[in-house]
Protein backbone atom coordinates (compact mmCIF):
# COMPACT_ATOMS: atom_id res chain seq x y z
CA MET A 1 -20.34 -30.56 2.87
CA ALA A 2 -22.70 -30.90 5.93
CA ASP A 3 -21.40 -31.67 9.29
CA GLN A 4 -22.95 -35.13 9.32
CA SER A 5 -21.45 -36.20 5.90
CA VAL A 6 -18.09 -35.37 7.48
CA LEU A 7 -18.69 -37.47 10.48
CA ASP A 8 -19.81 -40.33 8.43
CA LEU A 9 -16.27 -40.68 6.97
CA CYS A 10 -14.85 -41.14 10.44
CA PRO A 11 -14.08 -44.63 11.72
CA ASP A 12 -16.91 -45.47 14.07
CA THR A 13 -14.74 -46.28 17.09
CA GLY A 14 -11.43 -44.26 16.80
CA GLY A 15 -12.99 -40.97 15.86
CA ILE A 16 -10.08 -40.31 13.39
CA LEU A 17 -10.98 -38.53 10.23
CA ASP A 18 -9.15 -40.09 7.29
CA LEU A 19 -8.56 -37.00 5.06
CA ALA A 20 -7.65 -39.03 2.08
CA ALA A 21 -11.02 -40.77 2.30
CA LEU A 22 -12.74 -37.44 1.65
CA GLY A 23 -11.61 -37.78 -1.96
CA ASP A 24 -11.14 -35.32 -4.83
CA ASP A 25 -13.89 -32.87 -3.57
CA PHE A 26 -11.87 -32.32 -0.50
CA VAL A 27 -8.56 -31.76 -2.33
CA ARG A 28 -10.47 -29.27 -4.77
CA ASP A 29 -12.24 -27.39 -2.00
CA PRO A 30 -11.35 -28.28 1.64
CA TYR A 31 -12.95 -25.15 3.08
CA PRO A 32 -16.37 -26.65 3.79
CA VAL A 33 -14.97 -29.58 5.57
CA TYR A 34 -12.86 -27.42 7.74
CA ALA A 35 -15.79 -25.20 8.51
CA ALA A 36 -17.89 -28.14 9.56
CA LEU A 37 -15.18 -29.28 11.87
CA ARG A 38 -14.75 -25.84 13.23
CA ARG A 39 -18.46 -25.73 14.14
CA ARG A 40 -17.81 -28.82 16.27
CA GLY A 41 -14.62 -27.47 17.97
CA PRO A 42 -11.15 -26.34 17.27
CA VAL A 43 -9.25 -29.81 17.55
CA HIS A 44 -9.79 -32.92 15.49
CA HIS A 45 -7.81 -36.18 15.19
CA VAL A 46 -6.96 -37.03 11.69
CA ARG A 47 -4.86 -39.20 9.21
CA THR A 48 -3.16 -36.97 6.75
CA PRO A 49 -2.97 -37.96 3.03
CA GLU A 50 0.45 -39.10 3.57
CA GLY A 51 -0.65 -41.56 6.27
CA ALA A 52 0.45 -39.78 9.50
CA LEU A 53 -1.63 -39.34 12.47
CA ALA A 54 -2.23 -35.73 13.42
CA TRP A 55 -4.26 -33.11 15.34
CA LEU A 56 -5.90 -30.62 13.15
CA VAL A 57 -6.33 -27.13 14.72
CA VAL A 58 -9.17 -25.09 13.03
CA GLY A 59 -10.40 -21.61 13.68
CA HIS A 60 -8.43 -18.32 13.60
CA GLU A 61 -8.01 -17.80 17.36
CA ALA A 62 -7.00 -21.41 18.14
CA ALA A 63 -4.75 -21.70 15.07
CA ARG A 64 -2.98 -18.34 15.79
CA ALA A 65 -2.52 -19.39 19.46
CA ALA A 66 -1.04 -22.79 18.35
CA LEU A 67 1.50 -21.13 16.21
CA THR A 68 3.09 -19.41 19.18
CA ASP A 69 2.50 -22.11 21.81
CA GLU A 70 6.04 -22.98 23.20
CA ARG A 71 4.72 -26.48 24.16
CA LEU A 72 4.62 -27.21 20.47
CA SER A 73 8.12 -27.96 19.20
CA LYS A 74 9.39 -27.68 15.57
CA ARG A 75 12.23 -30.22 16.09
CA TRP A 76 11.81 -33.69 14.43
CA ALA A 77 13.75 -35.28 17.24
CA ASN A 78 10.53 -34.67 19.35
CA ALA A 79 8.17 -36.30 16.75
CA SER A 80 6.07 -39.36 17.68
CA PRO A 81 6.30 -42.44 15.49
CA ASP A 82 2.74 -41.52 14.50
CA ALA A 83 4.31 -38.85 12.24
CA ASP A 84 6.00 -41.48 10.05
CA GLY A 85 5.25 -40.89 6.42
CA LEU A 86 5.95 -37.34 6.34
CA THR A 87 9.00 -36.10 4.39
CA VAL A 88 11.83 -34.90 6.54
CA ALA A 89 13.93 -32.06 5.15
CA PRO A 90 17.74 -32.55 5.05
CA GLY A 91 19.90 -30.27 7.00
CA THR A 92 19.12 -27.93 9.86
CA HIS A 93 17.00 -24.75 9.21
CA MET A 94 14.65 -22.35 10.94
CA LEU A 95 11.48 -24.32 10.31
CA VAL A 96 12.80 -27.42 12.20
CA SER A 97 14.38 -25.46 15.04
CA ASP A 98 13.28 -24.16 18.45
CA PRO A 99 14.95 -21.31 20.42
CA PRO A 100 17.72 -20.75 21.16
CA ASP A 101 18.87 -22.55 17.89
CA HIS A 102 16.09 -20.85 15.94
CA THR A 103 17.02 -17.39 17.23
CA ARG A 104 20.63 -17.88 16.22
CA LEU A 105 19.79 -19.12 12.59
CA ARG A 106 17.28 -16.54 11.99
CA LYS A 107 19.73 -13.81 13.13
CA LEU A 108 22.42 -15.15 10.65
CA VAL A 109 20.15 -15.40 7.81
CA SER A 110 18.29 -12.10 8.41
CA LYS A 111 21.65 -10.27 8.08
CA GLU A 112 21.69 -11.03 4.42
CA PHE A 113 18.07 -11.71 3.45
CA THR A 114 17.35 -8.18 3.94
CA PRO A 115 14.54 -5.81 2.52
CA ARG A 116 17.18 -3.90 0.71
CA ARG A 117 18.35 -7.21 -1.24
CA ILE A 118 14.68 -7.99 -1.95
CA ALA A 119 13.91 -4.58 -3.18
CA ALA A 120 16.92 -4.64 -5.46
CA LEU A 121 15.33 -7.78 -7.26
CA GLU A 122 12.49 -5.71 -8.46
CA PRO A 123 14.10 -4.77 -11.94
CA ARG A 124 15.11 -8.32 -12.58
CA ILE A 125 11.72 -9.74 -11.51
CA LYS A 126 9.98 -7.26 -14.04
CA GLU A 127 12.47 -8.35 -16.69
CA LEU A 128 11.77 -11.97 -16.07
CA THR A 129 8.03 -11.46 -15.90
CA SER A 130 7.89 -9.46 -19.24
CA GLY A 131 9.81 -12.01 -21.01
CA LEU A 132 7.65 -14.82 -19.81
CA LEU A 133 4.40 -12.88 -20.91
CA ASP A 134 5.95 -12.11 -24.18
CA ALA A 135 6.22 -15.81 -24.89
CA MET A 136 2.65 -16.47 -23.48
CA LEU A 137 1.00 -13.77 -25.33
CA ALA A 138 2.49 -14.86 -28.66
CA SER A 139 0.22 -17.92 -28.52
CA PRO A 140 -1.61 -17.91 -31.94
CA ASP A 141 -4.89 -19.05 -30.48
CA GLY A 142 -4.86 -16.75 -27.37
CA ARG A 143 -4.86 -19.54 -24.99
CA ALA A 144 -2.18 -20.85 -22.51
CA ASP A 145 -1.62 -22.73 -19.27
CA LEU A 146 -0.82 -19.80 -16.73
CA VAL A 147 0.87 -22.12 -14.34
CA ALA A 148 3.38 -23.38 -17.04
CA SER A 149 3.57 -19.99 -18.57
CA LEU A 150 3.97 -17.61 -15.65
CA ALA A 151 3.17 -18.94 -12.18
CA PHE A 152 5.71 -21.78 -12.25
CA PRO A 153 8.71 -20.25 -14.27
CA LEU A 154 8.80 -16.86 -12.65
CA PRO A 155 9.37 -18.09 -9.02
CA ILE A 156 11.74 -20.85 -10.06
CA ALA A 157 13.81 -18.32 -12.10
CA VAL A 158 13.99 -15.91 -9.12
CA ILE A 159 14.85 -18.55 -6.47
CA CYS A 160 17.42 -20.23 -8.80
CA GLU A 161 19.22 -16.91 -9.45
CA LEU A 162 19.00 -16.28 -5.59
CA LEU A 163 20.68 -19.68 -5.09
CA GLY A 164 23.05 -19.60 -8.10
CA VAL A 165 21.46 -22.65 -9.80
CA PRO A 166 22.55 -22.56 -13.44
CA ASP A 167 19.82 -22.54 -16.27
CA LEU A 168 20.53 -25.93 -17.43
CA GLU A 169 20.01 -27.61 -14.12
CA ARG A 170 16.69 -25.78 -13.19
CA GLU A 171 14.29 -28.16 -14.81
CA ARG A 172 15.33 -31.23 -12.87
CA PHE A 173 15.76 -29.13 -9.68
CA ALA A 174 12.23 -28.11 -9.88
CA ALA A 175 11.00 -31.60 -10.69
CA TRP A 176 12.55 -33.07 -7.48
CA SER A 177 11.10 -30.23 -5.52
CA ASP A 178 7.63 -30.68 -6.78
CA HIS A 179 7.78 -34.49 -6.11
CA VAL A 180 9.07 -34.09 -2.61
CA LEU A 181 6.08 -32.04 -1.49
CA SER A 182 3.43 -34.20 -3.48
CA ALA A 183 1.47 -36.96 -2.07
CA ALA A 184 3.27 -39.52 -3.92
CA PRO A 185 4.33 -42.72 -2.04
CA ASP A 186 6.75 -42.24 0.80
CA GLU A 187 9.58 -44.15 -0.90
CA GLU A 188 9.34 -41.91 -4.00
CA ARG A 189 9.23 -38.70 -2.10
CA GLN A 190 12.28 -39.88 0.02
CA ASP A 191 14.10 -40.68 -3.18
CA SER A 192 13.42 -37.20 -4.75
CA ALA A 193 14.38 -35.63 -1.35
CA GLN A 194 17.69 -37.47 -1.37
CA ALA A 195 18.41 -36.53 -4.85
CA LEU A 196 17.61 -32.87 -4.24
CA ALA A 197 19.75 -32.89 -1.00
CA GLY A 198 22.69 -34.31 -2.99
CA TYR A 199 22.26 -31.66 -5.71
CA LEU A 200 22.15 -28.89 -3.01
CA THR A 201 25.35 -30.36 -1.35
CA GLN A 202 27.16 -30.26 -4.64
CA LEU A 203 25.88 -26.71 -5.23
CA LEU A 204 27.24 -25.54 -1.82
CA GLU A 205 30.55 -27.10 -2.74
CA ARG A 206 30.70 -25.18 -6.12
CA GLN A 207 29.67 -21.86 -4.33
CA ARG A 208 32.33 -22.46 -1.66
CA ALA A 209 34.96 -23.08 -4.37
CA GLN A 210 33.79 -20.36 -6.70
CA PRO A 211 31.59 -17.79 -4.77
CA GLY A 212 29.57 -15.29 -6.56
CA ASP A 213 27.08 -12.58 -5.47
CA ASP A 214 24.14 -14.99 -5.09
CA LEU A 215 22.41 -15.41 -1.69
CA LEU A 216 23.87 -18.86 -0.96
CA SER A 217 27.52 -17.57 -1.58
CA VAL A 218 26.79 -14.64 0.67
CA LEU A 219 25.41 -16.94 3.42
CA ILE A 220 28.58 -19.14 3.22
CA ARG A 221 30.67 -16.21 3.91
CA THR A 222 28.40 -14.48 6.48
CA SER A 223 29.25 -14.25 10.18
CA ASP A 224 27.96 -12.28 13.23
CA GLU A 225 29.92 -9.97 15.48
CA ASP A 226 31.16 -13.01 17.55
CA GLY A 227 32.39 -14.88 14.38
CA ASP A 228 29.54 -17.35 14.27
CA ARG A 229 28.79 -18.86 10.84
CA LEU A 230 26.39 -21.36 9.43
CA SER A 231 27.70 -24.91 9.37
CA THR A 232 27.62 -27.03 6.18
CA ASP A 233 24.51 -28.86 7.67
CA GLU A 234 22.82 -25.47 8.34
CA LEU A 235 23.61 -24.14 4.87
CA LEU A 236 22.10 -27.34 3.43
CA GLY A 237 19.03 -26.67 5.42
CA MET A 238 18.87 -22.93 4.53
CA ALA A 239 19.21 -23.82 0.74
CA TRP A 240 16.31 -26.35 1.14
CA LEU A 241 14.11 -23.87 3.03
CA LEU A 242 14.79 -21.11 0.43
CA LEU A 243 13.78 -23.48 -2.39
CA ILE A 244 10.40 -24.77 -0.68
CA ALA A 245 9.34 -21.58 0.96
CA GLY A 246 10.72 -19.22 -1.76
CA TYR A 247 9.48 -21.07 -4.69
CA GLU A 248 6.73 -23.58 -4.17
CA THR A 249 4.55 -21.29 -2.28
CA THR A 250 4.86 -18.38 -4.74
CA VAL A 251 3.70 -20.66 -7.50
CA GLY A 252 0.61 -21.28 -5.59
CA LEU A 253 0.04 -17.53 -4.76
CA ILE A 254 0.08 -16.56 -8.36
CA ALA A 255 -1.94 -19.48 -9.51
CA ASN A 256 -4.65 -19.49 -6.89
CA GLY A 257 -4.80 -15.67 -6.88
CA THR A 258 -5.31 -15.56 -10.72
CA LEU A 259 -8.07 -18.30 -10.30
CA ALA A 260 -9.87 -16.30 -7.60
CA LEU A 261 -9.99 -13.23 -9.88
CA LEU A 262 -11.14 -15.33 -12.85
CA ARG A 263 -13.94 -16.77 -10.84
CA HIS A 264 -14.89 -13.34 -9.51
CA PRO A 265 -15.12 -11.15 -12.65
CA ASP A 266 -16.35 -8.19 -10.73
CA GLN A 267 -13.27 -8.27 -8.67
CA LEU A 268 -10.98 -8.57 -11.71
CA ALA A 269 -12.83 -5.61 -13.34
CA ALA A 270 -12.48 -3.54 -10.12
CA LEU A 271 -8.62 -4.18 -10.13
CA ARG A 272 -8.35 -3.40 -13.75
CA ALA A 273 -10.21 -0.09 -13.12
CA ASP A 274 -8.03 0.79 -10.19
CA PRO A 275 -4.46 -0.59 -10.02
CA ALA A 276 -3.90 1.09 -6.65
CA LEU A 277 -6.03 -1.80 -5.23
CA LEU A 278 -3.41 -4.39 -6.03
CA PRO A 279 -1.42 -4.59 -2.77
CA GLY A 280 -4.69 -5.14 -0.94
CA ALA A 281 -5.68 -7.72 -3.65
CA VAL A 282 -2.62 -9.68 -3.06
CA GLU A 283 -3.46 -9.85 0.68
CA GLU A 284 -6.94 -11.00 -0.10
CA MET A 285 -5.57 -13.71 -2.36
CA LEU A 286 -3.37 -14.94 0.51
CA ARG A 287 -6.34 -14.76 2.90
CA TYR A 288 -9.01 -16.38 0.59
CA ASP A 289 -7.00 -19.32 -1.00
CA GLY A 290 -3.38 -19.23 0.02
CA PRO A 291 -0.72 -21.44 -1.05
CA VAL A 292 -0.13 -22.99 2.44
CA GLU A 293 -3.23 -24.77 3.44
CA VAL A 294 -1.89 -26.22 6.73
CA SER A 295 1.00 -24.97 8.74
CA THR A 296 4.36 -26.90 8.84
CA PHE A 297 4.59 -29.47 11.51
CA ARG A 298 4.79 -29.10 15.27
CA PHE A 299 5.11 -31.77 17.94
CA THR A 300 3.90 -31.82 21.49
CA LEU A 301 6.47 -31.52 24.28
CA GLU A 302 3.75 -32.03 27.12
CA PRO A 303 -0.09 -32.46 27.12
CA VAL A 304 -1.67 -29.49 25.34
CA GLU A 305 -5.34 -28.64 25.86
CA ILE A 306 -7.04 -26.59 23.21
CA GLY A 307 -10.78 -26.06 23.37
CA GLY A 308 -11.42 -28.62 25.78
CA THR A 309 -9.54 -31.32 23.91
CA LEU A 310 -6.24 -32.78 25.55
CA ILE A 311 -3.55 -33.59 23.08
CA PRO A 312 -1.14 -36.06 24.51
CA GLY A 313 2.37 -34.80 25.14
CA ASP A 314 4.36 -37.56 23.50
CA GLY A 315 5.32 -35.99 20.30
CA GLN A 316 1.97 -35.82 18.73
CA LEU A 317 1.77 -34.02 15.33
CA VAL A 318 -0.21 -30.72 15.53
CA LEU A 319 -1.25 -29.04 12.34
CA PRO A 320 -2.75 -25.55 12.48
CA VAL A 321 -4.95 -25.08 9.54
CA LEU A 322 -4.11 -21.65 8.07
CA GLY A 323 -6.66 -21.94 5.27
CA ASP A 324 -9.50 -22.37 7.63
CA ALA A 325 -8.17 -19.66 10.11
CA ASP A 326 -8.42 -17.15 7.26
CA ARG A 327 -11.82 -18.11 6.41
CA ASP A 328 -13.12 -17.91 9.88
CA SER A 329 -16.01 -15.27 9.86
CA LYS A 330 -15.37 -14.52 13.53
CA ARG A 331 -12.23 -12.87 12.34
CA PHE A 332 -13.02 -12.13 8.66
CA PRO A 333 -16.78 -11.50 8.45
CA ASP A 334 -18.24 -13.40 5.41
CA GLY A 335 -14.91 -15.18 5.22
CA ASP A 336 -15.94 -17.29 2.20
CA ARG A 337 -16.35 -14.22 0.06
CA PHE A 338 -13.61 -12.91 -2.07
CA ASP A 339 -13.22 -9.05 -1.82
CA ILE A 340 -10.13 -7.31 -2.90
CA ARG A 341 -11.30 -4.12 -0.90
CA ARG A 342 -11.44 -6.13 2.26
CA GLU A 343 -9.23 -5.26 5.08
CA ALA A 344 -7.10 -8.69 5.08
CA ARG A 345 -4.35 -7.68 7.41
CA GLY A 346 -4.08 -10.24 10.25
CA HIS A 347 -4.40 -13.31 7.93
CA LEU A 348 -2.00 -16.19 8.66
CA ALA A 349 -0.96 -17.16 5.17
CA PHE A 350 2.63 -16.37 6.15
CA GLY A 351 2.28 -17.85 9.68
CA HIS A 352 2.60 -16.04 12.92
CA GLY A 353 5.15 -15.55 15.73
CA ILE A 354 8.90 -16.46 15.64
CA HIS A 355 8.45 -18.58 12.45
CA PHE A 356 6.65 -15.87 10.45
CA CYS A 357 7.80 -16.26 6.85
CA LEU A 358 11.11 -14.52 6.26
CA GLY A 359 10.48 -14.52 2.52
CA ALA A 360 7.08 -12.80 2.83
CA PRO A 361 8.34 -9.54 1.21
CA LEU A 362 9.88 -11.41 -1.85
CA ALA A 363 6.51 -13.42 -2.35
CA ARG A 364 4.56 -10.15 -2.24
CA LEU A 365 6.90 -8.48 -4.52
CA GLU A 366 6.77 -11.26 -7.14
CA ALA A 367 2.95 -11.51 -6.90
CA ARG A 368 2.46 -7.84 -7.32
CA ILE A 369 4.74 -7.54 -10.34
CA ALA A 370 3.22 -10.69 -11.96
CA PHE A 371 -0.34 -9.31 -11.66
CA GLU A 372 0.48 -5.75 -12.42
CA LEU A 373 2.16 -6.78 -15.83
CA LEU A 374 -0.46 -9.64 -16.56
CA LEU A 375 -3.33 -7.18 -16.34
CA ASP A 376 -1.48 -4.36 -18.08
CA ARG A 377 -0.75 -6.61 -21.14
CA THR A 378 -4.13 -8.35 -21.57
CA ALA A 379 -7.31 -6.66 -22.44
CA SER A 380 -9.22 -9.60 -21.31
CA LEU A 381 -8.42 -12.79 -19.23
CA GLU A 382 -10.91 -15.67 -18.77
CA LEU A 383 -10.68 -19.21 -17.52
CA ASP A 384 -10.56 -21.65 -20.25
CA ALA A 385 -11.83 -24.67 -18.36
CA HIS A 386 -14.69 -25.60 -15.95
CA PRO A 387 -13.43 -24.86 -12.34
CA ALA A 388 -14.46 -28.52 -11.47
CA ALA A 389 -12.16 -29.94 -14.24
CA LEU A 390 -8.97 -28.21 -12.62
CA GLU A 391 -6.57 -30.61 -10.98
CA TRP A 392 -5.22 -29.66 -7.53
CA ARG A 393 -2.00 -30.90 -5.96
CA GLU A 394 -2.29 -33.27 -3.29
CA GLY A 395 -0.64 -33.41 0.19
CA THR A 396 -1.05 -31.84 3.63
CA VAL A 397 0.80 -28.57 3.45
CA LEU A 398 0.71 -26.81 0.02
CA ARG A 399 -2.40 -25.92 -2.00
CA GLY A 400 -2.43 -24.96 -5.67
CA VAL A 401 -3.69 -25.98 -9.09
CA LYS A 402 -1.39 -28.01 -11.31
CA SER A 403 -2.46 -26.14 -14.34
CA LEU A 404 -4.71 -23.15 -15.11
CA PRO A 405 -5.96 -22.90 -18.76
CA VAL A 406 -6.75 -19.18 -19.73
CA ARG A 407 -7.95 -17.32 -22.79
CA PHE A 408 -6.60 -13.86 -23.26
CA GLY A 409 -7.18 -10.86 -25.53
């Protein structure tokens, strides 16, 4: 989309770009719009699909700096009324906290959400993945929806086992989560958020009464050397964060990564020929079309100047665009090209700074296992729909296809 066509969709007086007005083309492929905006400067006043006014920050350098700017708060108490319409998560957790509260919470959670605990999940993740592929590959016509068959059920199973959610409750649990992060009307999203919060509260009460070895039970018991513990409100917030960050984003990583491979058969063939490329391929999937399009919300504590634009300091919503940062050719040459041999380190798919995703090792592990077994057990894999016919999830933060029809041999 050319620069001028983007400008034509802005109100002629306010200069506010209504992202919803960009339509399905923007939802399907937002990167040309972001690139056009980046050529004009790093900061742009927009209305999000949910209706909130915000300041987009595009480009790698500007977005990376915004992610660590102490003048931008994560606390909703600092938000302007212009942010109305966005879903507020229940409880207190790291993504809605500033230091020193954030420092304390991350310390307590990091004690238990360790690389050792994550590495110990590998055999179980392989077992889950193998079972899902057994069912998918049993299809008599060699066709399946990869989202429904693998990208969705694998992460939800892993996170539900981590949280101690019983099998019979996982379907409605996932439905609430998906609705909360959609672009559905505000009232519907808030209803789902309340239902999910109520469920998580009941889950916490059950785990407190009958603790197991799941992560949530461990977090209930954990304390630091001074005896500090997570409060009930903080445990609720942590359960919410684990759900959203640990499940929804991994669905997008597996689905979007598979689509990138299918749309670039030469890269798929290279990966089949040399499985040692897989760790780097996962990083390139994260960079090229990661599951988090726009960073989680930040609010100005004082006026902030970025690239010559002064953002007011009254709690204005600031949104660093991770997807555009990772396509910026100043940081990643020929950034719109998918290349699994690229040196993709330095991407912002997991954020940057003190809020860098604590679950990044788990997401990488799940993706690596999913692609390793998927490619090992299929002699061929092709997209079974025109790319333009794929339906993408709407909303400001997350990016991913709702379904991914594939043919396999």
